[in-house]
Amino acid sequence: MSTILITGGSGLIGSALTAALQHDGHTVRWLSRSAGMRNGVQAFAWDVERGTVDPEALRGVDHIIHLAGAGIADKHWTAARKLELERSRAESARVLLRAVKANGAAPKSFTSAAGINYYGADTTAQVFTENEPPGKDHIAHLSRVWEEAADEWASTCRVVKLRTPLVLAREGGGLAKLALPARFGLGAPLGTGRQWMPWVHLDDLVRAYQHAIANEAMRGAYNVCASDQRTNRDFSRAVAQALHRPFFLPAVPGFLLKLALGELSSILLGGSRAANAKLLATGFAFRYDALDAALKDCLG
């Protein structure tokens, strides 16, 4: 059994992953703003702004999972917010790397969350593979900077980057927000409705992290998205059907979303498909590869 350190452990993904790892007999530690026991997990303090990490957090650590990062869609993308989004992902990875080197820690792997929007928020017919270059908009820039910081660990240990789309969960996360209008019979497409919506069930994402830790051959970036990817219109209709609600309203005009959300609206109004063949080639298999089954599990 291994000792695994997680940043962002109290979030949606981190909490589910912690429970799964503990169930398998691993020892899990968290890095947090303050130290103490959290839901049966020992949390150690770190401060990204000051560049400090409690050395005890690193003692005997076998694997590090980096999930920390300010919420992409939590606030408008002001200049200050954009900087915060970058620092909370990239600079936090660098602070941790400096601490690992300073304290002589020797983790076997560094597995980082990453964004499926690495390819940009454009809507195209292309199905993007991990070999494609990053897009040119801001969400792609953020994803690239995030991954570049993770790549700096390559001389220290094995690096895996899991490019993550919309996560479907039974409680919380983006699906709960998307499903709220549909619960009241107000479900509707966004913008043109033709933008693609890659997704993954939370249970599969957790299993992907476990797989990345266990599979020593895994290195580099992987798209972690189910095969059954649909347009926003078809996705929204499937949500309404899972909730047994009507779906008849016209699309929400894109310009209204741009007025309300500014540049942030780009991640709702654009998007393309991403291939999962590289991940499948490692022996990973999705339990929820069909959207209707995933929505039934989360919303039924």
Protein backbone atom coordinates (compact mmCIF):
# COMPACT_ATOMS: atom_id res chain seq x y z
CA MET A 1 0.00 0.00 0.00
CA SER A 2 1.12 3.54 -0.76
CA THR A 3 1.11 6.94 0.90
CA ILE A 4 -0.59 9.44 -1.39
CA LEU A 5 -0.61 13.23 -1.03
CA ILE A 6 -3.49 15.13 -2.63
CA THR A 7 -3.84 18.85 -3.22
CA GLY A 8 -7.45 20.03 -3.53
CA GLY A 9 -8.53 16.92 -1.66
CA SER A 10 -11.71 18.38 -0.20
CA GLY A 11 -13.29 19.15 -3.59
CA LEU A 12 -15.71 17.05 -5.60
CA ILE A 13 -13.05 14.90 -7.25
CA GLY A 14 -10.65 14.89 -4.33
CA SER A 15 -13.24 13.71 -1.81
CA ALA A 16 -14.40 10.83 -4.01
CA LEU A 17 -10.82 9.87 -4.87
CA THR A 18 -9.77 9.97 -1.21
CA ALA A 19 -12.57 7.60 -0.25
CA ALA A 20 -11.65 5.18 -3.05
CA LEU A 21 -7.95 5.19 -2.18
CA GLN A 22 -8.64 4.65 1.50
CA HIS A 23 -10.99 1.80 0.63
CA ASP A 24 -8.08 0.18 -1.22
CA GLY A 25 -5.90 0.47 1.88
CA HIS A 26 -3.75 3.46 0.91
CA THR A 27 -2.78 6.20 3.34
CA VAL A 28 -4.06 9.56 2.09
CA ARG A 29 -2.83 12.99 3.12
CA TRP A 30 -4.11 16.38 2.02
CA LEU A 31 -2.40 19.70 1.53
CA SER A 32 -4.69 22.45 2.79
CA ARG A 33 -4.62 26.06 3.92
CA SER A 34 -4.72 24.83 7.52
CA ALA A 35 -3.58 21.64 9.23
CA GLY A 36 -5.76 19.17 11.11
CA MET A 37 -7.94 16.12 10.65
CA ARG A 38 -10.58 16.43 7.91
CA ASN A 39 -13.08 13.62 7.53
CA GLY A 40 -10.55 11.07 8.69
CA VAL A 41 -7.71 12.51 6.60
CA GLN A 42 -4.63 14.23 8.00
CA ALA A 43 -4.29 17.63 6.35
CA PHE A 44 -0.97 19.48 6.30
CA ALA A 45 -0.63 23.22 5.76
CA TRP A 46 0.75 24.91 2.68
CA ASP A 47 0.68 28.50 1.45
CA VAL A 48 1.09 29.01 -2.28
CA GLU A 49 1.50 32.79 -1.98
CA ARG A 50 4.33 32.42 0.53
CA GLY A 51 5.71 29.33 -1.15
CA THR A 52 5.64 27.18 1.98
CA VAL A 53 4.78 23.51 2.48
CA ASP A 54 4.86 21.58 5.77
CA PRO A 55 7.78 19.12 5.29
CA GLU A 56 5.89 16.46 7.23
CA ALA A 57 3.40 16.25 4.39
CA LEU A 58 6.16 14.94 2.12
CA ARG A 59 7.72 12.40 4.45
CA GLY A 60 7.49 8.94 2.89
CA VAL A 61 5.11 10.03 0.12
CA ASP A 62 4.88 7.58 -2.80
CA HIS A 63 2.54 9.47 -5.13
CA ILE A 64 1.27 13.04 -5.46
CA ILE A 65 -2.07 13.99 -7.04
CA HIS A 66 -2.51 17.66 -7.90
CA LEU A 67 -6.15 18.73 -8.01
CA ALA A 68 -5.84 22.23 -6.55
CA GLY A 69 -7.21 25.13 -8.57
CA ALA A 70 -9.73 27.95 -8.29
CA GLY A 71 -13.08 27.14 -9.90
CA ILE A 72 -13.06 27.93 -13.62
CA ALA A 73 -16.69 29.06 -13.72
CA ASP A 74 -17.07 30.44 -10.20
CA LYS A 75 -16.44 34.11 -11.07
CA HIS A 76 -16.19 36.44 -14.07
CA TRP A 77 -12.86 36.35 -15.87
CA THR A 78 -11.42 39.69 -14.88
CA ALA A 79 -7.68 40.19 -15.32
CA ALA A 80 -7.19 39.48 -11.63
CA ARG A 81 -9.34 36.34 -11.80
CA LYS A 82 -7.42 35.03 -14.79
CA LEU A 83 -4.18 35.43 -12.86
CA GLU A 84 -5.71 33.65 -9.87
CA LEU A 85 -6.83 30.75 -12.07
CA GLU A 86 -3.28 30.36 -13.38
CA ARG A 87 -1.48 30.71 -10.06
CA SER A 88 -3.79 28.34 -8.23
CA ARG A 89 -2.88 25.62 -10.75
CA ALA A 90 0.58 26.31 -12.12
CA GLU A 91 2.33 28.15 -9.31
CA SER A 92 0.96 25.71 -6.73
CA ALA A 93 2.55 22.84 -8.68
CA ARG A 94 5.87 24.70 -8.71
CA VAL A 95 5.72 25.49 -4.99
CA LEU A 96 5.18 21.82 -4.28
CA LEU A 97 8.01 20.78 -6.60
CA ARG A 98 10.45 23.14 -4.87
CA ALA A 99 9.42 21.68 -1.51
CA VAL A 100 9.92 18.12 -2.76
CA LYS A 101 13.43 18.95 -3.94
CA ALA A 102 14.33 20.91 -0.81
CA ASN A 103 13.25 18.11 1.49
CA GLY A 104 14.69 15.22 -0.47
CA ALA A 105 11.32 13.58 -1.06
CA ALA A 106 11.16 10.92 -3.76
CA PRO A 107 7.62 10.43 -5.08
CA LYS A 108 7.19 7.85 -7.81
CA SER A 109 4.60 9.84 -9.72
CA PHE A 110 2.97 13.24 -10.04
CA THR A 111 -0.53 13.04 -11.49
CA SER A 112 -2.13 16.37 -12.30
CA ALA A 113 -5.62 17.37 -13.24
CA ALA A 114 -5.73 19.11 -16.61
CA GLY A 115 -8.39 20.64 -18.84
CA ILE A 116 -10.03 19.11 -21.90
CA ASN A 117 -10.23 22.70 -23.17
CA TYR A 118 -6.51 22.47 -23.88
CA TYR A 119 -7.62 22.36 -27.53
CA GLY A 120 -9.64 25.56 -27.16
CA ALA A 121 -13.34 26.34 -27.00
CA ASP A 122 -13.93 26.35 -30.75
CA THR A 123 -16.68 24.20 -32.21
CA THR A 124 -15.31 22.05 -35.02
CA ALA A 125 -15.87 18.65 -36.60
CA GLN A 126 -12.43 17.55 -35.45
CA VAL A 127 -12.03 14.92 -32.74
CA PHE A 128 -8.93 16.04 -30.86
CA THR A 129 -6.19 13.63 -29.83
CA GLU A 130 -3.49 14.29 -27.27
CA ASN A 131 -1.02 15.00 -30.10
CA GLU A 132 -2.83 18.17 -31.14
CA PRO A 133 -1.31 21.56 -30.24
CA PRO A 134 -3.09 23.82 -27.74
CA GLY A 135 -5.79 26.20 -28.90
CA LYS A 136 -5.35 29.95 -29.04
CA ASP A 137 -8.09 31.28 -26.74
CA HIS A 138 -7.78 31.99 -23.03
CA ILE A 139 -9.11 28.67 -21.74
CA ALA A 140 -6.55 26.89 -23.91
CA HIS A 141 -3.83 29.21 -22.60
CA LEU A 142 -4.81 28.39 -19.03
CA SER A 143 -4.74 24.67 -19.80
CA ARG A 144 -1.32 24.95 -21.46
CA VAL A 145 0.21 26.87 -18.55
CA TRP A 146 -1.28 24.33 -16.14
CA GLU A 147 0.31 21.43 -18.01
CA GLU A 148 3.66 23.14 -18.45
CA ALA A 149 3.95 23.41 -14.67
CA ALA A 150 3.17 19.70 -14.33
CA ASP A 151 5.80 18.86 -16.97
CA GLU A 152 8.47 20.49 -14.79
CA TRP A 153 8.19 17.43 -12.55
CA ALA A 154 9.46 15.14 -15.32
CA SER A 155 13.06 15.12 -14.07
CA THR A 156 11.83 14.20 -10.59
CA CYS A 157 9.27 11.48 -11.24
CA ARG A 158 6.75 10.07 -13.69
CA VAL A 159 4.20 12.69 -14.80
CA VAL A 160 0.61 12.00 -15.87
CA LYS A 161 -1.88 14.71 -16.91
CA LEU A 162 -5.56 13.80 -17.02
CA ARG A 163 -7.44 16.19 -19.32
CA THR A 164 -10.86 16.38 -17.75
CA PRO A 165 -14.18 17.50 -19.27
CA LEU A 166 -17.52 18.13 -17.55
CA VAL A 167 -17.75 15.75 -14.59
CA LEU A 168 -21.12 14.09 -14.02
CA ALA A 169 -21.77 13.42 -10.33
CA ARG A 170 -24.72 12.46 -8.18
CA GLU A 171 -24.21 15.53 -5.99
CA GLY A 172 -22.55 18.82 -6.85
CA GLY A 173 -20.42 19.71 -9.82
CA GLY A 174 -21.38 21.19 -13.17
CA LEU A 175 -24.21 18.75 -13.88
CA ALA A 176 -26.23 20.02 -10.93
CA LYS A 177 -26.09 23.57 -12.36
CA LEU A 178 -26.92 22.44 -15.89
CA ALA A 179 -29.83 20.30 -14.69
CA LEU A 180 -31.43 22.96 -12.49
CA PRO A 181 -33.49 24.65 -15.25
CA ALA A 182 -34.54 21.25 -16.59
CA ARG A 183 -35.90 20.26 -13.18
CA PHE A 184 -38.45 23.05 -13.59
CA GLY A 185 -39.24 22.16 -17.20
CA LEU A 186 -37.06 25.01 -18.48
CA GLY A 187 -34.30 23.02 -20.14
CA ALA A 188 -33.01 24.55 -23.38
CA PRO A 189 -29.91 24.50 -25.59
CA LEU A 190 -27.29 27.20 -25.16
CA GLY A 191 -26.35 29.37 -28.13
CA THR A 192 -26.39 27.39 -31.36
CA GLY A 193 -26.65 24.12 -29.44
CA ARG A 194 -24.16 22.63 -31.91
CA GLN A 195 -21.14 22.82 -29.60
CA TRP A 196 -19.87 19.46 -28.40
CA MET A 197 -19.89 18.49 -24.71
CA PRO A 198 -17.28 15.91 -23.70
CA TRP A 199 -18.02 14.45 -20.26
CA VAL A 200 -16.97 11.80 -17.74
CA HIS A 201 -18.76 10.16 -14.83
CA LEU A 202 -17.12 10.93 -11.48
CA ASP A 203 -16.71 7.23 -10.71
CA ASP A 204 -14.76 6.72 -13.94
CA LEU A 205 -12.60 9.79 -13.32
CA VAL A 206 -11.68 8.47 -9.87
CA ARG A 207 -10.81 5.12 -11.42
CA ALA A 208 -8.65 6.92 -14.01
CA TYR A 209 -6.58 8.48 -11.22
CA GLN A 210 -6.22 5.11 -9.53
CA HIS A 211 -5.21 3.62 -12.87
CA ALA A 212 -2.62 6.36 -13.45
CA ILE A 213 -1.01 5.65 -10.09
CA ALA A 214 -0.88 1.90 -10.60
CA ASN A 215 0.17 1.83 -14.27
CA GLU A 216 3.85 2.74 -14.39
CA ALA A 217 3.77 2.87 -18.19
CA MET A 218 1.45 5.86 -18.21
CA ARG A 219 3.17 9.15 -18.96
CA GLY A 220 2.03 12.44 -20.44
CA ALA A 221 -1.47 13.66 -21.27
CA TYR A 222 -4.65 11.59 -21.56
CA ASN A 223 -8.16 12.66 -22.54
CA VAL A 224 -10.46 11.26 -19.86
CA CYS A 225 -13.81 11.45 -21.58
CA ALA A 226 -16.51 8.94 -22.38
CA SER A 227 -17.09 7.87 -25.98
CA ASP A 228 -20.73 8.99 -26.23
CA GLN A 229 -20.15 12.73 -26.75
CA ARG A 230 -23.08 14.83 -27.91
CA THR A 231 -23.89 18.37 -28.90
CA ASN A 232 -25.21 20.78 -26.32
CA ARG A 233 -28.71 20.46 -27.77
CA ASP A 234 -28.69 16.65 -27.54
CA PHE A 235 -27.03 16.70 -24.12
CA SER A 236 -29.63 19.13 -22.78
CA ARG A 237 -32.43 16.98 -24.20
CA ALA A 238 -30.94 13.89 -22.54
CA VAL A 239 -30.84 15.70 -19.17
CA ALA A 240 -34.50 16.64 -19.50
CA GLN A 241 -35.42 13.06 -20.41
CA ALA A 242 -33.48 11.69 -17.44
CA LEU A 243 -35.52 14.01 -15.21
CA HIS A 244 -38.80 13.17 -17.03
CA ARG A 245 -39.27 16.81 -17.95
CA PRO A 246 -40.31 18.41 -21.26
CA PHE A 247 -37.79 19.87 -23.66
CA PHE A 248 -39.36 22.36 -26.02
CA LEU A 249 -38.02 25.85 -25.29
CA PRO A 250 -35.94 27.74 -27.86
CA ALA A 251 -32.22 28.06 -27.36
CA VAL A 252 -30.83 30.66 -24.97
CA PRO A 253 -29.25 33.28 -27.28
CA GLY A 254 -25.49 33.33 -27.16
CA PHE A 255 -25.34 37.11 -26.91
CA LEU A 256 -27.31 37.00 -23.65
CA LEU A 257 -24.80 34.59 -22.15
CA LYS A 258 -21.97 36.82 -23.35
CA LEU A 259 -23.62 39.85 -21.73
CA ALA A 260 -24.15 37.97 -18.46
CA LEU A 261 -20.85 36.07 -18.26
CA GLY A 262 -18.42 37.92 -20.49
CA GLU A 263 -15.46 35.89 -21.75
CA LEU A 264 -16.41 33.04 -19.41
CA SER A 265 -19.34 32.28 -21.73
CA SER A 266 -16.89 30.82 -24.27
CA ILE A 267 -16.69 27.51 -22.40
CA LEU A 268 -20.48 27.18 -22.61
CA LEU A 269 -20.90 28.31 -26.21
CA GLY A 270 -18.01 26.40 -27.81
CA GLY A 271 -16.43 22.98 -27.67
CA SER A 272 -15.30 20.01 -29.73
CA ARG A 273 -14.98 16.29 -29.19
CA ALA A 274 -11.89 14.59 -27.76
CA ALA A 275 -10.65 11.07 -28.46
CA ASN A 276 -10.13 8.61 -25.60
CA ALA A 277 -8.21 5.94 -27.55
CA LYS A 278 -4.89 6.68 -25.82
CA LEU A 279 -6.40 6.05 -22.39
CA LEU A 280 -8.22 2.93 -23.55
CA ALA A 281 -4.94 1.57 -24.92
CA THR A 282 -3.55 1.49 -21.37
CA GLY A 283 -6.18 -1.07 -20.38
CA PHE A 284 -8.65 1.37 -18.87
CA ALA A 285 -12.35 0.74 -19.48
CA PHE A 286 -15.19 3.15 -18.80
CA ARG A 287 -18.06 1.84 -16.73
CA TYR A 288 -20.21 4.75 -17.86
CA ASP A 289 -19.47 5.16 -21.55
CA ALA A 290 -23.06 5.95 -22.60
CA LEU A 291 -24.57 9.31 -21.65
CA ASP A 292 -28.09 8.05 -20.92
CA ALA A 293 -26.81 5.47 -18.41
CA ALA A 294 -24.56 8.04 -16.73
CA LEU A 295 -27.40 10.57 -16.42
CA LYS A 296 -29.75 7.91 -15.08
CA ASP A 297 -27.22 7.08 -12.38
CA CYS A 298 -26.65 10.73 -11.45
CA LEU A 299 -30.17 12.13 -11.86
CA GLY A 300 -32.52 9.14 -11.73
